Amino acid sequence: MASLILVVISIALLASIAAVSMNHIPVDAYLRQQMMKESEAGIQMVSNGVGRYLNSHRDVEGNIIYPGDGTNMVPLVSPNYGFMPPDVRKELAWEVTAAKLSPELPAAAICLKPRTASNALQQDVLERLRGQLPVGSAYIGTACGATSNVVGGTHLTYWLPLSHIN
C-alpha cells in the first residue's frame, strides 16, 4: 500500500513539474505569427501573378499596356497568370487595382485590407509586413491606394510601378 501511495505522489509531482516548466505561448503571438506567414506568402503570390500578367501584355514597341485607372486586376490576373491567395486568417482580404502612384507613374496597387472593423493585431501585422517590403513601395492608409503613411491606418498598399517591370 505504501508503494502505491509513493507511485501516485511521484506521478503527481512529475506532472506538476512538467506543467510549471512548460513554455506557454501567448495566443496573440501565435496568431500574429500565422497572419505574418500568410501575408508574406500572399503578397509574394499576388505580385508574381501581376508581374506575369503585365509582362505578357505588351504593345508592338514592347511597353507594358496599362489596364487603365481603377481597373480591377483580379479577373485579369487570376487564374491565367496566378491565383489570388485566400483571405489572411479570414480577417484580411486582397485587392489589386490599376492606379497611378504619381501623375506620370502607372502602377498596380496590391492592397491588403480588413474584411470588417480593424483591430490592433491586424494593424501590427500590416506594419511589420510594410517593414519587410522595399522602402517607398508600401504605405499604410485608411483606404487602398495610399501614397503616404497614416497613423492608425488599416489598409496596406504595395505598389508595383510598370516602369520597374518594363
Protein backbone atom coordinates (compact mmCIF):
# COMPACT_ATOMS: atom_id res chain seq x y z
CA MET A 1 0.00 0.00 0.00
CA ALA A 2 2.83 2.40 0.82
CA SER A 3 4.37 1.72 -2.60
CA LEU A 4 1.13 2.64 -4.31
CA ILE A 5 0.93 5.92 -2.41
CA LEU A 6 4.55 6.73 -3.33
CA VAL A 7 3.87 6.00 -7.01
CA VAL A 8 0.79 8.27 -7.03
CA ILE A 9 2.72 11.06 -5.26
CA SER A 10 5.68 10.76 -7.67
CA ILE A 11 3.39 10.87 -10.72
CA ALA A 12 1.64 13.94 -9.34
CA LEU A 13 4.99 15.58 -8.57
CA LEU A 14 6.34 14.88 -12.07
CA ALA A 15 3.14 16.19 -13.67
CA SER A 16 3.29 19.41 -11.66
CA ILE A 17 6.99 19.93 -12.52
CA ALA A 18 6.25 19.38 -16.21
CA ALA A 19 3.31 21.81 -16.12
CA VAL A 20 5.35 24.52 -14.41
CA SER A 21 8.38 24.15 -16.68
CA MET A 22 6.46 24.28 -19.99
CA ASN A 23 6.84 27.46 -22.02
CA HIS A 24 3.45 28.92 -22.70
CA ILE A 25 2.98 30.78 -25.98
CA PRO A 26 0.53 33.68 -25.80
CA VAL A 27 -2.38 33.31 -28.20
CA ASP A 28 -1.75 36.77 -29.71
CA ALA A 29 1.84 35.86 -30.56
CA TYR A 30 0.73 32.67 -32.29
CA LEU A 31 -1.98 34.49 -34.29
CA ARG A 32 0.45 37.26 -35.23
CA GLN A 33 2.95 34.70 -36.50
CA GLN A 34 0.31 32.87 -38.54
CA MET A 35 -1.02 36.13 -40.03
CA MET A 36 2.53 37.20 -40.95
CA LYS A 37 3.25 33.89 -42.67
CA GLU A 38 0.03 34.07 -44.68
CA SER A 39 0.53 37.77 -45.52
CA GLU A 40 4.13 37.30 -46.67
CA ALA A 41 3.21 34.33 -48.85
CA GLY A 42 0.14 36.11 -50.19
CA ILE A 43 1.90 39.32 -51.19
CA GLN A 44 4.56 37.28 -52.99
CA MET A 45 1.90 35.23 -54.79
CA VAL A 46 -0.08 38.29 -55.89
CA SER A 47 2.94 40.32 -57.00
CA ASN A 48 4.26 37.36 -59.04
CA GLY A 49 0.88 36.92 -60.75
CA VAL A 50 0.57 40.64 -61.50
CA GLY A 51 4.12 40.69 -62.85
CA ARG A 52 3.41 37.74 -65.15
CA TYR A 53 0.22 39.40 -66.42
CA LEU A 54 1.94 42.73 -67.11
CA ASN A 55 4.93 41.05 -68.80
CA SER A 56 2.66 39.17 -71.19
CA HIS A 57 0.61 42.24 -72.18
CA ARG A 58 2.89 44.49 -74.19
CA ASP A 59 2.38 46.69 -77.22
CA VAL A 60 4.33 46.36 -80.51
CA GLU A 61 7.14 48.50 -79.07
CA GLY A 62 7.50 46.19 -76.07
CA ASN A 63 5.99 48.53 -73.49
CA ILE A 64 3.53 47.20 -70.93
CA ILE A 65 -0.09 48.01 -71.74
CA TYR A 66 -1.59 49.88 -68.79
CA PRO A 67 -5.06 48.46 -67.97
CA GLY A 68 -6.44 51.92 -67.04
CA ASP A 69 -7.04 53.77 -63.80
CA GLY A 70 -9.34 51.97 -61.38
CA THR A 71 -9.35 48.68 -63.27
CA ASN A 72 -9.88 45.68 -61.00
CA MET A 73 -6.97 43.46 -62.00
CA VAL A 74 -8.07 40.34 -60.11
CA PRO A 75 -10.06 38.87 -63.03
CA LEU A 76 -7.21 39.80 -65.40
CA VAL A 77 -4.57 38.03 -63.32
CA SER A 78 -6.45 35.04 -61.93
CA PRO A 79 -6.42 32.19 -62.94
CA ASN A 80 -4.25 32.50 -66.08
CA TYR A 81 -1.23 34.25 -64.51
CA GLY A 82 -1.59 33.30 -60.86
CA PHE A 83 -4.16 32.60 -58.21
CA MET A 84 -5.34 35.05 -55.60
CA PRO A 85 -4.44 33.81 -52.14
CA PRO A 86 -7.19 33.18 -49.63
CA ASP A 87 -8.00 35.85 -47.08
CA VAL A 88 -5.46 36.10 -44.29
CA ARG A 89 -6.98 34.24 -41.30
CA LYS A 90 -10.41 35.21 -42.74
CA GLU A 91 -9.69 38.74 -41.46
CA LEU A 92 -7.70 40.49 -44.21
CA ALA A 93 -8.74 40.47 -47.87
CA TRP A 94 -6.71 41.05 -51.06
CA GLU A 95 -7.44 43.59 -53.79
CA VAL A 96 -5.47 44.50 -56.94
CA THR A 97 -6.23 47.69 -58.85
CA ALA A 98 -4.51 49.58 -61.65
CA ALA A 99 -3.80 53.12 -60.45
CA LYS A 100 -1.21 55.85 -60.72
CA LEU A 101 1.36 56.23 -57.98
CA SER A 102 2.01 59.74 -59.32
CA PRO A 103 0.53 61.54 -62.35
CA GLU A 104 3.16 60.06 -64.66
CA LEU A 105 3.78 56.70 -62.94
CA PRO A 106 1.17 53.99 -63.73
CA ALA A 107 1.28 51.02 -61.38
CA ALA A 108 -0.57 48.08 -59.93
CA ALA A 109 -1.73 48.61 -56.35
CA ILE A 110 -1.86 45.43 -54.27
CA CYS A 111 -3.94 46.06 -51.18
CA LEU A 112 -4.41 44.06 -48.00
CA LYS A 113 -7.42 45.34 -46.09
CA PRO A 114 -9.63 44.25 -43.18
CA ARG A 115 -12.84 42.43 -44.02
CA THR A 116 -14.64 44.11 -41.14
CA ALA A 117 -13.51 46.52 -38.44
CA SER A 118 -9.74 46.59 -38.00
CA ASN A 119 -8.04 45.63 -34.75
CA ALA A 120 -4.63 46.22 -33.19
CA LEU A 121 -3.32 42.77 -34.14
CA GLN A 122 -4.12 43.37 -37.83
CA GLN A 123 -2.52 46.82 -37.74
CA ASP A 124 0.62 45.36 -36.17
CA VAL A 125 0.83 42.67 -38.87
CA LEU A 126 0.37 45.25 -41.65
CA GLU A 127 3.08 47.46 -40.13
CA ARG A 128 5.51 44.52 -39.88
CA LEU A 129 4.73 43.48 -43.45
CA ARG A 130 5.33 47.05 -44.68
CA GLY A 131 8.71 46.96 -42.95
CA GLN A 132 9.71 43.88 -44.94
CA LEU A 133 8.83 45.37 -48.34
CA PRO A 134 11.21 47.63 -50.29
CA VAL A 135 11.44 51.15 -48.87
CA GLY A 136 8.96 53.52 -50.54
CA SER A 137 6.92 50.74 -52.17
CA ALA A 138 4.28 50.19 -49.47
CA TYR A 139 2.11 52.53 -47.42
CA ILE A 140 -0.48 52.07 -44.71
CA GLY A 141 -3.51 54.32 -45.08
CA THR A 142 -7.21 54.45 -44.43
CA ALA A 143 -8.11 53.06 -47.87
CA CYS A 144 -6.49 51.11 -50.69
CA GLY A 145 -4.23 53.17 -52.93
CA ALA A 146 -2.44 55.04 -50.14
CA THR A 147 0.63 57.01 -51.21
CA SER A 148 1.69 58.02 -47.70
CA ASN A 149 1.51 56.50 -44.24
CA VAL A 150 -1.31 57.44 -41.88
CA VAL A 151 -1.16 56.85 -38.13
CA GLY A 152 -3.72 54.19 -37.26
CA GLY A 153 -4.12 53.17 -40.91
CA THR A 154 -5.90 49.94 -41.67
CA HIS A 155 -5.08 49.24 -45.35
CA LEU A 156 -1.64 48.27 -46.70
CA THR A 157 -0.96 49.21 -50.34
CA TYR A 158 2.05 47.71 -52.09
CA TRP A 159 2.85 49.46 -55.37
CA LEU A 160 4.26 47.72 -58.46
CA PRO A 161 5.15 50.52 -60.95
CA LEU A 162 5.00 49.40 -64.57
CA SER A 163 8.35 51.09 -65.23
CA HIS A 164 10.03 48.71 -62.76
CA ILE A 165 8.66 45.69 -64.61
CA ASN A 166 9.46 47.14 -68.04
